[in-house]
Amino acid sequence: QAQLVESGGGLVQAGGSLRLSCTGSGSTFSRLAIGWFRQVPGKDREFVAAIGWNSISIFYADSVKGRFTISRDNAENTAYLHMNSLKPEDTAVYYCGASVSIGREITTTGRYDLWGQGTQVTVSS
């Protein structure tokens, strides 16, 4: 059964950087869009960034544009979220998801069928 596993979260000071990884099992990873979403207690999971299967379609939430970069290495079945200039409001559990959707649909939580377990990112002020 296909799975996604996130890693790379942790505690960082404001202005610092982290790199999250999302590694997939199974043979279909390279044909799926990968999205990063985040969630804080009491709020809905929100879109952060997404990348199409061939890295041509890339989308970012306005709140992270210019600070975060999404990428993928299909040979390694891994996607990355490079986070720079982190702010306390970036504190959340970050989840990666896999979707068969294409285009701007990959920015929508409901288009994702497979999720990882999440990794905590905490940014101190």
PDB file of N, CA and C in Angstrom:
ATOM      1  N   GLN A   1       0.852  -1.187   0.000  1.00  0.00           N
ATOM      2  CA  GLN A   1       0.000   0.000   0.000  1.00  0.00           C
ATOM      3  C   GLN A   1       0.888   1.237   0.000  1.00  0.00           C
ATOM      4  N   ALA A   2       0.547   2.194  -0.852  1.00  0.00           N
ATOM      5  CA  ALA A   2       1.349   3.397  -0.960  1.00  0.00           C
ATOM      6  C   ALA A   2       1.277   4.196   0.330  1.00  0.00           C
ATOM      7  N   GLN A   3       2.409   4.806   0.680  1.00  0.00           N
ATOM      8  CA  GLN A   3       2.477   5.646   1.870  1.00  0.00           C
ATOM      9  C   GLN A   3       3.327   6.868   1.588  1.00  0.00           C
ATOM     10  N   LEU A   4       3.080   7.908   2.352  1.00  0.00           N
ATOM     11  CA  LEU A   4       3.912   9.112   2.325  1.00  0.00           C
ATOM     12  C   LEU A   4       4.459   9.333   3.725  1.00  0.00           C
ATOM     13  N   VAL A   5       5.721   9.690   3.818  1.00  0.00           N
ATOM     14  CA  VAL A   5       6.349   9.936   5.113  1.00  0.00           C
ATOM     15  C   VAL A   5       7.054  11.284   5.057  1.00  0.00           C
ATOM     16  N   GLU A   6       6.639  12.196   5.956  1.00  0.00           N
ATOM     17  CA  GLU A   6       7.290  13.502   6.046  1.00  0.00           C
ATOM     18  C   GLU A   6       8.433  13.454   7.073  1.00  0.00           C
ATOM     19  N   SER A   7       9.403  14.299   6.865  1.00  0.00           N
ATOM     20  CA  SER A   7      10.486  14.467   7.830  1.00  0.00           C
ATOM     21  C   SER A   7      11.062  15.865   7.677  1.00  0.00           C
ATOM     22  N   GLY A   8      11.847  16.266   8.665  1.00  0.00           N
ATOM     23  CA  GLY A   8      12.551  17.546   8.579  1.00  0.00           C
ATOM     24  C   GLY A   8      11.992  18.661   9.427  1.00  0.00           C
ATOM     25  N   GLY A   9      10.882  18.418  10.105  1.00  0.00           N
ATOM     26  CA  GLY A   9      10.334  19.457  10.968  1.00  0.00           C
ATOM     27  C   GLY A   9      11.194  19.669  12.194  1.00  0.00           C
ATOM     28  N   GLY A  10      10.850  20.700  12.952  1.00  0.00           N
ATOM     29  CA  GLY A  10      11.596  20.989  14.165  1.00  0.00           C
ATOM     30  C   GLY A  10      11.329  22.374  14.679  1.00  0.00           C
ATOM     31  N   LEU A  11      12.179  22.807  15.608  1.00  0.00           N
ATOM     32  CA  LEU A  11      12.081  24.123  16.219  1.00  0.00           C
ATOM     33  C   LEU A  11      13.159  25.024  15.620  1.00  0.00           C
ATOM     34  N   VAL A  12      12.752  26.196  15.183  1.00  0.00           N
ATOM     35  CA  VAL A  12      13.694  27.140  14.575  1.00  0.00           C
ATOM     36  C   VAL A  12      13.318  28.552  15.003  1.00  0.00           C
ATOM     37  N   GLN A  13      14.304  29.436  15.066  1.00  0.00           N
ATOM     38  CA  GLN A  13      14.021  30.832  15.385  1.00  0.00           C
ATOM     39  C   GLN A  13      13.485  31.564  14.161  1.00  0.00           C
ATOM     40  N   ALA A  14      12.749  32.615  14.422  1.00  0.00           N
ATOM     41  CA  ALA A  14      12.239  33.444  13.329  1.00  0.00           C
ATOM     42  C   ALA A  14      13.393  33.905  12.452  1.00  0.00           C
ATOM     43  N   GLY A  15      13.175  33.851  11.141  1.00  0.00           N
ATOM     44  CA  GLY A  15      14.215  34.193  10.186  1.00  0.00           C
ATOM     45  C   GLY A  15      15.039  33.003   9.729  1.00  0.00           C
ATOM     46  N   GLY A  16      14.883  31.883  10.401  1.00  0.00           N
ATOM     47  CA  GLY A  16      15.638  30.694  10.071  1.00  0.00           C
ATOM     48  C   GLY A  16      15.039  29.907   8.915  1.00  0.00           C
ATOM     49  N   SER A  17      15.627  28.743   8.657  1.00  0.00           N
ATOM     50  CA  SER A  17      15.224  27.909   7.521  1.00  0.00           C
ATOM     51  C   SER A  17      15.067  26.452   7.950  1.00  0.00           C
ATOM     52  N   LEU A  18      14.217  25.762   7.236  1.00  0.00           N
ATOM     53  CA  LEU A  18      14.057  24.321   7.385  1.00  0.00           C
ATOM     54  C   LEU A  18      13.783  23.733   6.011  1.00  0.00           C
ATOM     55  N   ARG A  19      14.114  22.449   5.849  1.00  0.00           N
ATOM     56  CA  ARG A  19      13.744  21.729   4.642  1.00  0.00           C
ATOM     57  C   ARG A  19      12.941  20.501   5.037  1.00  0.00           C
ATOM     58  N   LEU A  20      11.712  20.446   4.565  1.00  0.00           N
ATOM     59  CA  LEU A  20      10.865  19.282   4.783  1.00  0.00           C
ATOM     60  C   LEU A  20      10.990  18.332   3.604  1.00  0.00           C
ATOM     61  N   SER A  21      10.925  17.040   3.902  1.00  0.00           N
ATOM     62  CA  SER A  21      10.953  16.015   2.865  1.00  0.00           C
ATOM     63  C   SER A  21       9.692  15.174   2.940  1.00  0.00           C
ATOM     64  N   CYS A  22       9.251  14.711   1.791  1.00  0.00           N
ATOM     65  CA  CYS A  22       8.080  13.837   1.685  1.00  0.00           C
ATOM     66  C   CYS A  22       8.489  12.676   0.784  1.00  0.00           C
ATOM     67  N   THR A  23       8.638  11.511   1.377  1.00  0.00           N
ATOM     68  CA  THR A  23       9.083  10.350   0.622  1.00  0.00           C
ATOM     69  C   THR A  23       7.932   9.365   0.452  1.00  0.00           C
ATOM     70  N   GLY A  24       7.733   8.930  -0.793  1.00  0.00           N
ATOM     71  CA  GLY A  24       6.644   8.030  -1.095  1.00  0.00           C
ATOM     72  C   GLY A  24       7.110   6.623  -1.392  1.00  0.00           C
ATOM     73  N   SER A  25       6.279   5.674  -1.050  1.00  0.00           N
ATOM     74  CA  SER A  25       6.535   4.284  -1.410  1.00  0.00           C
ATOM     75  C   SER A  25       5.630   3.928  -2.584  1.00  0.00           C
ATOM     76  N   GLY A  26       5.951   2.856  -3.275  1.00  0.00           N
ATOM     77  CA  GLY A  26       5.147   2.466  -4.411  1.00  0.00           C
ATOM     78  C   GLY A  26       5.676   3.041  -5.710  1.00  0.00           C
ATOM     79  N   SER A  27       5.117   2.569  -6.805  1.00  0.00           N
ATOM     80  CA  SER A  27       5.644   2.900  -8.124  1.00  0.00           C
ATOM     81  C   SER A  27       4.948   4.074  -8.793  1.00  0.00           C
ATOM     82  N   THR A  28       3.949   4.651  -8.128  1.00  0.00           N
ATOM     83  CA  THR A  28       3.167   5.691  -8.790  1.00  0.00           C
ATOM     84  C   THR A  28       3.570   7.113  -8.412  1.00  0.00           C
ATOM     85  N   PHE A  29       4.518   7.250  -7.497  1.00  0.00           N
ATOM     86  CA  PHE A  29       4.874   8.585  -6.984  1.00  0.00           C
ATOM     87  C   PHE A  29       5.163   9.560  -8.108  1.00  0.00           C
ATOM     88  N   SER A  30       5.914   9.121  -9.105  1.00  0.00           N
ATOM     89  CA  SER A  30       6.340  10.034 -10.172  1.00  0.00           C
ATOM     90  C   SER A  30       5.184  10.505 -11.044  1.00  0.00           C
ATOM     91  N   ARG A  31       4.029   9.891 -10.932  1.00  0.00           N
ATOM     92  CA  ARG A  31       2.886  10.275 -11.753  1.00  0.00           C
ATOM     93  C   ARG A  31       1.853  11.081 -10.964  1.00  0.00           C
ATOM     94  N   LEU A  32       2.157  11.418  -9.737  1.00  0.00           N
ATOM     95  CA  LEU A  32       1.218  12.119  -8.863  1.00  0.00           C
ATOM     96  C   LEU A  32       1.692  13.532  -8.545  1.00  0.00           C
ATOM     97  N   ALA A  33       0.744  14.443  -8.437  1.00  0.00           N
ATOM     98  CA  ALA A  33       1.063  15.766  -7.897  1.00  0.00           C
ATOM     99  C   ALA A  33       1.291  15.631  -6.395  1.00  0.00           C
ATOM    100  N   ILE A  34       2.198  16.450  -5.885  1.00  0.00           N
ATOM    101  CA  ILE A  34       2.477  16.460  -4.448  1.00  0.00           C
ATOM    102  C   ILE A  34       2.184  17.854  -3.912  1.00  0.00           C
ATOM    103  N   GLY A  35       1.458  17.895  -2.821  1.00  0.00           N
ATOM    104  CA  GLY A  35       1.141  19.172  -2.191  1.00  0.00           C
ATOM    105  C   GLY A  35       1.573  19.194  -0.741  1.00  0.00           C
ATOM    106  N   TRP A  36       1.916  20.377  -0.280  1.00  0.00           N
ATOM    107  CA  TRP A  36       2.191  20.610   1.130  1.00  0.00           C
ATOM    108  C   TRP A  36       1.070  21.470   1.696  1.00  0.00           C
ATOM    109  N   PHE A  37       0.561  21.050   2.825  1.00  0.00           N
ATOM    110  CA  PHE A  37      -0.494  21.752   3.527  1.00  0.00           C
ATOM    111  C   PHE A  37      -0.085  21.869   4.992  1.00  0.00           C
ATOM    112  N   ARG A  38      -0.712  22.777   5.718  1.00  0.00           N
ATOM    113  CA  ARG A  38      -0.409  22.901   7.132  1.00  0.00           C
ATOM    114  C   ARG A  38      -1.680  23.127   7.929  1.00  0.00           C
ATOM    115  N   GLN A  39      -1.593  22.775   9.195  1.00  0.00           N
ATOM    116  CA  GLN A  39      -2.782  22.856  10.042  1.00  0.00           C
ATOM    117  C   GLN A  39      -2.367  23.213  11.460  1.00  0.00           C
ATOM    118  N   VAL A  40      -3.127  24.132  12.042  1.00  0.00           N
ATOM    119  CA  VAL A  40      -2.965  24.474  13.451  1.00  0.00           C
ATOM    120  C   VAL A  40      -4.226  24.045  14.173  1.00  0.00           C
ATOM    121  N   PRO A  41      -4.156  23.791  15.463  1.00  0.00           N
ATOM    122  CA  PRO A  41      -5.336  23.308  16.205  1.00  0.00           C
ATOM    123  C   PRO A  41      -6.526  24.247  16.053  1.00  0.00           C
ATOM    124  N   GLY A  42      -7.674  23.673  15.764  1.00  0.00           N
ATOM    125  CA  GLY A  42      -8.902  24.443  15.666  1.00  0.00           C
ATOM    126  C   GLY A  42      -9.150  25.074  14.317  1.00  0.00           C
ATOM    127  N   LYS A  43      -8.215  24.872  13.382  1.00  0.00           N
ATOM    128  CA  LYS A  43      -8.384  25.458  12.051  1.00  0.00           C
ATOM    129  C   LYS A  43      -8.324  24.374  10.979  1.00  0.00           C
ATOM    130  N   ASP A  44      -8.854  24.691   9.812  1.00  0.00           N
ATOM    131  CA  ASP A  44      -8.810  23.758   8.694  1.00  0.00           C
ATOM    132  C   ASP A  44      -7.387  23.657   8.156  1.00  0.00           C
ATOM    133  N   ARG A  45      -7.131  22.535   7.511  1.00  0.00           N
ATOM    134  CA  ARG A  45      -5.849  22.354   6.837  1.00  0.00           C
ATOM    135  C   ARG A  45      -5.790  23.334   5.670  1.00  0.00           C
ATOM    136  N   GLU A  46      -4.683  24.057   5.561  1.00  0.00           N
ATOM    137  CA  GLU A  46      -4.578  25.076   4.511  1.00  0.00           C
ATOM    138  C   GLU A  46      -3.461  24.757   3.532  1.00  0.00           C
ATOM    139  N   PHE A  47      -3.680  25.167   2.319  1.00  0.00           N
ATOM    140  CA  PHE A  47      -2.722  24.949   1.242  1.00  0.00           C
ATOM    141  C   PHE A  47      -1.473  25.792   1.456  1.00  0.00           C
ATOM    142  N   VAL A  48      -0.309  25.183   1.183  1.00  0.00           N
ATOM    143  CA  VAL A  48       0.966  25.894   1.256  1.00  0.00           C
ATOM    144  C   VAL A  48       1.630  25.946  -0.119  1.00  0.00           C
ATOM    145  N   ALA A  49       1.836  24.789  -0.746  1.00  0.00           N
ATOM    146  CA  ALA A  49       2.508  24.720  -2.045  1.00  0.00           C
ATOM    147  C   ALA A  49       2.192  23.383  -2.688  1.00  0.00           C
ATOM    148  N   ALA A  50       2.247  23.343  -4.018  1.00  0.00           N
ATOM    149  CA  ALA A  50       2.003  22.097  -4.732  1.00  0.00           C
ATOM    150  C   ALA A  50       2.814  22.073  -6.012  1.00  0.00           C
ATOM    151  N   ILE A  51       3.145  20.856  -6.440  1.00  0.00           N
ATOM    152  CA  ILE A  51       3.948  20.672  -7.645  1.00  0.00           C
ATOM    153  C   ILE A  51       3.374  19.522  -8.450  1.00  0.00           C
ATOM    154  N   GLY A  52       3.228  19.730  -9.747  1.00  0.00           N
ATOM    155  CA  GLY A  52       2.727  18.694 -10.616  1.00  0.00           C
ATOM    156  C   GLY A  52       3.729  17.565 -10.797  1.00  0.00           C
ATOM    157  N   TRP A  53       3.271  16.473 -11.430  1.00  0.00           N
ATOM    158  CA  TRP A  53       4.116  15.288 -11.536  1.00  0.00           C
ATOM    159  C   TRP A  53       5.417  15.565 -12.284  1.00  0.00           C
ATOM    160  N   ASN A  54       5.384  16.491 -13.255  1.00  0.00           N
ATOM    161  CA  ASN A  54       6.575  16.772 -14.065  1.00  0.00           C
ATOM    162  C   ASN A  54       7.246  18.080 -13.690  1.00  0.00           C
ATOM    163  N   SER A  55       6.877  18.637 -12.542  1.00  0.00           N
ATOM    164  CA  SER A  55       7.471  19.877 -12.010  1.00  0.00           C
ATOM    165  C   SER A  55       7.186  21.107 -12.851  1.00  0.00           C
ATOM    166  N   ILE A  56       6.264  21.014 -13.805  1.00  0.00           N
ATOM    167  CA  ILE A  56       5.935  22.187 -14.623  1.00  0.00           C
ATOM    168  C   ILE A  56       4.916  23.071 -13.904  1.00  0.00           C
ATOM    169  N   SER A  57       3.893  22.464 -13.340  1.00  0.00           N
ATOM    170  CA  SER A  57       2.894  23.229 -12.591  1.00  0.00           C
ATOM    171  C   SER A  57       3.348  23.349 -11.142  1.00  0.00           C
ATOM    172  N   ILE A  58       3.540  24.586 -10.706  1.00  0.00           N
ATOM    173  CA  ILE A  58       3.935  24.864  -9.324  1.00  0.00           C
ATOM    174  C   ILE A  58       3.085  26.013  -8.808  1.00  0.00           C
ATOM    175  N   PHE A  59       2.544  25.853  -7.615  1.00  0.00           N
ATOM    176  CA  PHE A  59       1.680  26.864  -7.020  1.00  0.00           C
ATOM    177  C   PHE A  59       2.108  27.106  -5.573  1.00  0.00           C
ATOM    178  N   TYR A  60       1.918  28.345  -5.123  1.00  0.00           N
ATOM    179  CA  TYR A  60       2.207  28.719  -3.746  1.00  0.00           C
ATOM    180  C   TYR A  60       1.060  29.534  -3.173  1.00  0.00           C
ATOM    181  N   ALA A  61       0.835  29.364  -1.886  1.00  0.00           N
ATOM    182  CA  ALA A  61      -0.060  30.274  -1.181  1.00  0.00           C
ATOM    183  C   ALA A  61       0.600  31.644  -1.108  1.00  0.00           C
ATOM    184  N   ASP A  62      -0.208  32.688  -1.143  1.00  0.00           N
ATOM    185  CA  ASP A  62       0.344  34.051  -1.096  1.00  0.00           C
ATOM    186  C   ASP A  62       1.196  34.261   0.161  1.00  0.00           C
ATOM    187  N   SER A  63       0.818  33.610   1.246  1.00  0.00           N
ATOM    188  CA  SER A  63       1.506  33.829   2.518  1.00  0.00           C
ATOM    189  C   SER A  63       2.934  33.284   2.533  1.00  0.00           C
ATOM    190  N   VAL A  64       3.275  32.414   1.595  1.00  0.00           N
ATOM    191  CA  VAL A  64       4.619  31.827   1.596  1.00  0.00           C
ATOM    192  C   VAL A  64       5.390  32.164   0.324  1.00  0.00           C
ATOM    193  N   LYS A  65       4.751  32.807  -0.625  1.00  0.00           N
ATOM    194  CA  LYS A  65       5.392  33.109  -1.901  1.00  0.00           C
ATOM    195  C   LYS A  65       6.645  33.955  -1.673  1.00  0.00           C
ATOM    196  N   GLY A  66       7.738  33.548  -2.300  1.00  0.00           N
ATOM    197  CA  GLY A  66       9.000  34.256  -2.140  1.00  0.00           C
ATOM    198  C   GLY A  66       9.834  33.767  -0.973  1.00  0.00           C
ATOM    199  N   ARG A  67       9.244  32.971  -0.086  1.00  0.00           N
ATOM    200  CA  ARG A  67       9.984  32.435   1.077  1.00  0.00           C
ATOM    201  C   ARG A  67      10.144  30.924   1.001  1.00  0.00           C
ATOM    202  N   PHE A  68       9.143  30.229   0.450  1.00  0.00           N
ATOM    203  CA  PHE A  68       9.160  28.764   0.371  1.00  0.00           C
ATOM    204  C   PHE A  68       9.370  28.339  -1.081  1.00  0.00           C
ATOM    205  N   THR A  69      10.035  27.205  -1.254  1.00  0.00           N
ATOM    206  CA  THR A  69      10.234  26.628  -2.588  1.00  0.00           C
ATOM    207  C   THR A  69       9.916  25.146  -2.541  1.00  0.00           C
ATOM    208  N   ILE A  70       9.068  24.699  -3.450  1.00  0.00           N
ATOM    209  CA  ILE A  70       8.736  23.278  -3.543  1.00  0.00           C
ATOM    210  C   ILE A  70       9.507  22.683  -4.717  1.00  0.00           C
ATOM    211  N   SER A  71       9.950  21.446  -4.539  1.00  0.00           N
ATOM    212  CA  SER A  71      10.667  20.747  -5.606  1.00  0.00           C
ATOM    213  C   SER A  71      10.439  19.249  -5.424  1.00  0.00           C
ATOM    214  N   ARG A  72      10.869  18.474  -6.404  1.00  0.00           N
ATOM    215  CA  ARG A  72      10.733  17.033  -6.297  1.00  0.00           C
ATOM    216  C   ARG A  72      11.845  16.340  -7.065  1.00  0.00           C
ATOM    217  N   ASP A  73      12.138  15.121  -6.647  1.00  0.00           N
ATOM    218  CA  ASP A  73      13.104  14.251  -7.311  1.00  0.00           C
ATOM    219  C   ASP A  73      12.407  12.919  -7.499  1.00  0.00           C
ATOM    220  N   ASN A  74      11.862  12.708  -8.688  1.00  0.00           N
ATOM    221  CA  ASN A  74      11.077  11.490  -8.913  1.00  0.00           C
ATOM    222  C   ASN A  74      11.940  10.228  -8.852  1.00  0.00           C
ATOM    223  N   ALA A  75      13.218  10.352  -9.172  1.00  0.00           N
ATOM    224  CA  ALA A  75      14.102   9.191  -9.082  1.00  0.00           C
ATOM    225  C   ALA A  75      14.249   8.713  -7.637  1.00  0.00           C
ATOM    226  N   GLU A  76      14.079   9.641  -6.692  1.00  0.00           N
ATOM    227  CA  GLU A  76      14.185   9.322  -5.268  1.00  0.00           C
ATOM    228  C   GLU A  76      12.816   9.219  -4.594  1.00  0.00           C
ATOM    229  N   ASN A  77      11.743   9.349  -5.380  1.00  0.00           N
ATOM    230  CA  ASN A  77      10.381   9.323  -4.819  1.00  0.00           C
ATOM    231  C   ASN A  77      10.230  10.311  -3.659  1.00  0.00           C
ATOM    232  N   THR A  78      10.817  11.481  -3.820  1.00  0.00           N
ATOM    233  CA  THR A  78      10.822  12.452  -2.727  1.00  0.00           C
ATOM    234  C   THR A  78      10.486  13.849  -3.244  1.00  0.00           C
ATOM    235  N   ALA A  79       9.688  14.555  -2.470  1.00  0.00           N
ATOM    236  CA  ALA A  79       9.406  15.961  -2.707  1.00  0.00           C
ATOM    237  C   ALA A  79       9.905  16.754  -1.510  1.00  0.00           C
ATOM    238  N   TYR A  80      10.225  18.021  -1.774  1.00  0.00           N
ATOM    239  CA  TYR A  80      10.817  18.865  -0.731  1.00  0.00           C
ATOM    240  C   TYR A  80      10.055  20.179  -0.598  1.00  0.00           C
ATOM    241  N   LEU A  81      10.110  20.731   0.595  1.00  0.00           N
ATOM    242  CA  LEU A  81       9.628  22.087   0.824  1.00  0.00           C
ATOM    243  C   LEU A  81      10.743  22.826   1.548  1.00  0.00           C
ATOM    244  N   HIS A  82      11.399  23.724   0.816  1.00  0.00           N
ATOM    245  CA  HIS A  82      12.450  24.544   1.401  1.00  0.00           C
ATOM    246  C   HIS A  82      11.788  25.795   1.965  1.00  0.00           C
ATOM    247  N   MET A  83      11.966  26.016   3.255  1.00  0.00           N
ATOM    248  CA  MET A  83      11.310  27.131   3.925  1.00  0.00           C
ATOM    249  C   MET A  83      12.367  28.095   4.464  1.00  0.00           C
ATOM    250  N   ASN A  84      12.363  29.311   3.950  1.00  0.00           N
ATOM    251  CA  ASN A  84      13.295  30.346   4.382  1.00  0.00           C
ATOM    252  C   ASN A  84      12.530  31.487   5.041  1.00  0.00           C
ATOM    253  N   SER A  85      13.253  32.333   5.750  1.00  0.00           N
ATOM    254  CA  SER A  85      12.663  33.510   6.399  1.00  0.00           C
ATOM    255  C   SER A  85      11.409  33.139   7.184  1.00  0.00           C
ATOM    256  N   LEU A  86      11.522  32.109   7.973  1.00  0.00           N
ATOM    257  CA  LEU A  86      10.361  31.600   8.701  1.00  0.00           C
ATOM    258  C   LEU A  86       9.854  32.607   9.720  1.00  0.00           C
ATOM    259  N   LYS A  87       8.544  32.603   9.889  1.00  0.00           N
ATOM    260  CA  LYS A  87       7.864  33.512  10.808  1.00  0.00           C
ATOM    261  C   LYS A  87       7.105  32.692  11.851  1.00  0.00           C
ATOM    262  N   PRO A  88       6.833  33.263  13.013  1.00  0.00           N
ATOM    263  CA  PRO A  88       6.058  32.526  14.020  1.00  0.00           C
ATOM    264  C   PRO A  88       4.718  32.030  13.486  1.00  0.00           C
ATOM    265  N   GLU A  89       4.113  32.770  12.573  1.00  0.00           N
ATOM    266  CA  GLU A  89       2.820  32.346  12.024  1.00  0.00           C
ATOM    267  C   GLU A  89       2.935  31.158  11.079  1.00  0.00           C
ATOM    268  N   ASP A  90       4.152  30.723  10.772  1.00  0.00           N
ATOM    269  CA  ASP A  90       4.347  29.496   9.995  1.00  0.00           C
ATOM    270  C   ASP A  90       4.274  28.253  10.872  1.00  0.00           C
ATOM    271  N   THR A  91       4.185  28.439  12.172  1.00  0.00           N
ATOM    272  CA  THR A  91       4.103  27.312  13.095  1.00  0.00           C
ATOM    273  C   THR A  91       2.845  26.496  12.828  1.00  0.00           C
ATOM    274  N   ALA A  92       3.013  25.201  12.608  1.00  0.00           N
ATOM    275  CA  ALA A  92       1.894  24.314  12.280  1.00  0.00           C
ATOM    276  C   ALA A  92       2.422  22.892  12.129  1.00  0.00           C
ATOM    277  N   VAL A  93       1.503  21.957  12.000  1.00  0.00           N
ATOM    278  CA  VAL A  93       1.855  20.618  11.526  1.00  0.00           C
ATOM    279  C   VAL A  93       1.761  20.649  10.007  1.00  0.00           C
ATOM    280  N   TYR A  94       2.834  20.240   9.368  1.00  0.00           N
ATOM    281  CA  TYR A  94       2.894  20.249   7.908  1.00  0.00           C
ATOM    282  C   TYR A  94       2.668  18.836   7.385  1.00  0.00           C
ATOM    283  N   TYR A  95       1.764  18.731   6.419  1.00  0.00           N
ATOM    284  CA  TYR A  95       1.422  17.457   5.816  1.00  0.00           C
ATOM    285  C   TYR A  95       1.745  17.494   4.318  1.00  0.00           C
ATOM    286  N   CYS A  96       2.221  16.382   3.786  1.00  0.00           N
ATOM    287  CA  CYS A  96       2.290  16.269   2.335  1.00  0.00           C
ATOM    288  C   CYS A  96       1.189  15.317   1.888  1.00  0.00           C
ATOM    289  N   GLY A  97       0.697  15.563   0.695  1.00  0.00           N
ATOM    290  CA  GLY A  97      -0.343  14.745   0.123  1.00  0.00           C
ATOM    291  C   GLY A  97      -0.043  14.444  -1.327  1.00  0.00           C
ATOM    292  N   ALA A  98      -0.666  13.393  -1.835  1.00  0.00           N
ATOM    293  CA  ALA A  98      -0.498  12.994  -3.231  1.00  0.00           C
ATOM    294  C   ALA A  98      -1.858  13.022  -3.918  1.00  0.00           C
ATOM    295  N   SER A  99      -1.857  13.508  -5.167  1.00  0.00           N
ATOM    296  CA  SER A  99      -3.102  13.686  -5.902  1.00  0.00           C
ATOM    297  C   SER A  99      -2.935  13.303  -7.356  1.00  0.00           C
ATOM    298  N   VAL A 100      -4.007  12.763  -7.949  1.00  0.00           N
ATOM    299  CA  VAL A 100      -4.001  12.475  -9.384  1.00  0.00           C
ATOM    300  C   VAL A 100      -4.477  13.681 -10.188  1.00  0.00           C
ATOM    301  N   SER A 101      -4.881  14.749  -9.525  1.00  0.00           N
ATOM    302  CA  SER A 101      -5.384  15.926 -10.201  1.00  0.00           C
ATOM    303  C   SER A 101      -4.256  16.684 -10.892  1.00  0.00           C
ATOM    304  N   ILE A 102      -4.642  17.579 -11.783  1.00  0.00           N
ATOM    305  CA  ILE A 102      -3.666  18.391 -12.495  1.00  0.00           C
ATOM    306  C   ILE A 102      -4.092  19.848 -12.445  1.00  0.00           C
ATOM    307  N   GLY A 103      -3.189  20.716 -12.827  1.00  0.00           N
ATOM    308  CA  GLY A 103      -3.508  22.143 -12.865  1.00  0.00           C
ATOM    309  C   GLY A 103      -3.799  22.694 -11.482  1.00  0.00           C
ATOM    310  N   ARG A 104      -4.585  23.753 -11.450  1.00  0.00           N
ATOM    311  CA  ARG A 104      -4.831  24.468 -10.198  1.00  0.00           C
ATOM    312  C   ARG A 104      -5.632  23.623  -9.199  1.00  0.00           C
ATOM    313  N   GLU A 105      -6.216  22.518  -9.643  1.00  0.00           N
ATOM    314  CA  GLU A 105      -6.926  21.626  -8.712  1.00  0.00           C
ATOM    315  C   GLU A 105      -6.011  21.125  -7.609  1.00  0.00           C
ATOM    316  N   ILE A 106      -4.708  21.081  -7.856  1.00  0.00           N
ATOM    317  CA  ILE A 106      -3.789  20.533  -6.849  1.00  0.00           C
ATOM    318  C   ILE A 106      -3.561  21.496  -5.690  1.00  0.00           C
ATOM    319  N   THR A 107      -4.203  22.646  -5.711  1.00  0.00           N
ATOM    320  CA  THR A 107      -4.139  23.552  -4.566  1.00  0.00           C
ATOM    321  C   THR A 107      -5.286  23.308  -3.590  1.00  0.00           C
ATOM    322  N   THR A 108      -6.140  22.360  -3.894  1.00  0.00           N
ATOM    323  CA  THR A 108      -7.357  22.103  -3.118  1.00  0.00           C
ATOM    324  C   THR A 108      -7.207  20.847  -2.272  1.00  0.00           C
ATOM    325  N   THR A 109      -7.445  20.979  -0.977  1.00  0.00           N
ATOM    326  CA  THR A 109      -7.280  19.857  -0.049  1.00  0.00           C
ATOM    327  C   THR A 109      -8.093  18.634  -0.470  1.00  0.00           C
ATOM    328  N   GLY A 110      -9.305  18.858  -0.935  1.00  0.00           N
ATOM    329  CA  GLY A 110     -10.199  17.757  -1.273  1.00  0.00           C
ATOM    330  C   GLY A 110      -9.767  16.921  -2.458  1.00  0.00           C
ATOM    331  N   ARG A 111      -8.752  17.393  -3.201  1.00  0.00           N
ATOM    332  CA  ARG A 111      -8.260  16.652  -4.369  1.00  0.00           C
ATOM    333  C   ARG A 111      -7.173  15.650  -3.993  1.00  0.00           C
ATOM    334  N   TYR A 112      -6.860  15.545  -2.706  1.00  0.00           N
ATOM    335  CA  TYR A 112      -5.789  14.668  -2.273  1.00  0.00           C
ATOM    336  C   TYR A 112      -6.346  13.409  -1.628  1.00  0.00           C
ATOM    337  N   ASP A 113      -5.827  12.279  -2.073  1.00  0.00           N
ATOM    338  CA  ASP A 113      -6.320  10.982  -1.625  1.00  0.00           C
ATOM    339  C   ASP A 113      -5.401  10.313  -0.615  1.00  0.00           C
ATOM    340  N   LEU A 114      -4.156  10.720  -0.586  1.00  0.00           N
ATOM    341  CA  LEU A 114      -3.170  10.075   0.264  1.00  0.00           C
ATOM    342  C   LEU A 114      -2.421  11.149   1.032  1.00  0.00           C
ATOM    343  N   TRP A 115      -2.265  10.947   2.332  1.00  0.00           N
ATOM    344  CA  TRP A 115      -1.594  11.914   3.194  1.00  0.00           C
ATOM    345  C   TRP A 115      -0.517  11.239   4.030  1.00  0.00           C
ATOM    346  N   GLY A 116       0.500  12.016   4.372  1.00  0.00           N
ATOM    347  CA  GLY A 116       1.473  11.559   5.345  1.00  0.00           C
ATOM    348  C   GLY A 116       0.973  11.813   6.755  1.00  0.00           C
ATOM    349  N   GLN A 117       1.806  11.479   7.735  1.00  0.00           N
ATOM    350  CA  GLN A 117       1.402  11.585   9.137  1.00  0.00           C
ATOM    351  C   GLN A 117       1.621  12.988   9.700  1.00  0.00           C
ATOM    352  N   GLY A 118       2.349  13.812   8.987  1.00  0.00           N
ATOM    353  CA  GLY A 118       2.585  15.185   9.422  1.00  0.00           C
ATOM    354  C   GLY A 118       3.887  15.339  10.181  1.00  0.00           C
ATOM    355  N   THR A 119       4.444  16.539  10.110  1.00  0.00           N
ATOM    356  CA  THR A 119       5.653  16.863  10.857  1.00  0.00           C
ATOM    357  C   THR A 119       5.488  18.266  11.446  1.00  0.00           C
ATOM    358  N   GLN A 120       5.850  18.421  12.710  1.00  0.00           N
ATOM    359  CA  GLN A 120       5.642  19.684  13.411  1.00  0.00           C
ATOM    360  C   GLN A 120       6.750  20.674  13.063  1.00  0.00           C
ATOM    361  N   VAL A 121       6.337  21.883  12.728  1.00  0.00           N
ATOM    362  CA  VAL A 121       7.266  23.002  12.537  1.00  0.00           C
ATOM    363  C   VAL A 121       6.890  24.079  13.548  1.00  0.00           C
ATOM    364  N   THR A 122       7.845  24.461  14.367  1.00  0.00           N
ATOM    365  CA  THR A 122       7.622  25.503  15.362  1.00  0.00           C
ATOM    366  C   THR A 122       8.643  26.608  15.169  1.00  0.00           C
ATOM    367  N   VAL A 123       8.156  27.823  14.986  1.00  0.00           N
ATOM    368  CA  VAL A 123       9.028  28.980  14.778  1.00  0.00           C
ATOM    369  C   VAL A 123       8.886  29.895  15.988  1.00  0.00           C
ATOM    370  N   SER A 124       9.971  30.095  16.699  1.00  0.00           N
ATOM    371  CA  SER A 124       9.941  30.937  17.884  1.00  0.00           C
ATOM    372  C   SER A 124      10.293  32.378  17.518  1.00  0.00           C
ATOM    373  N   SER A 125       9.698  33.310  18.260  1.00  0.00           N
ATOM    374  CA  SER A 125       9.942  34.728  17.981  1.00  0.00           C
ATOM    375  C   SER A 125      11.131  35.261  18.760  1.00  0.00           C
TER     376      SER A 125
END
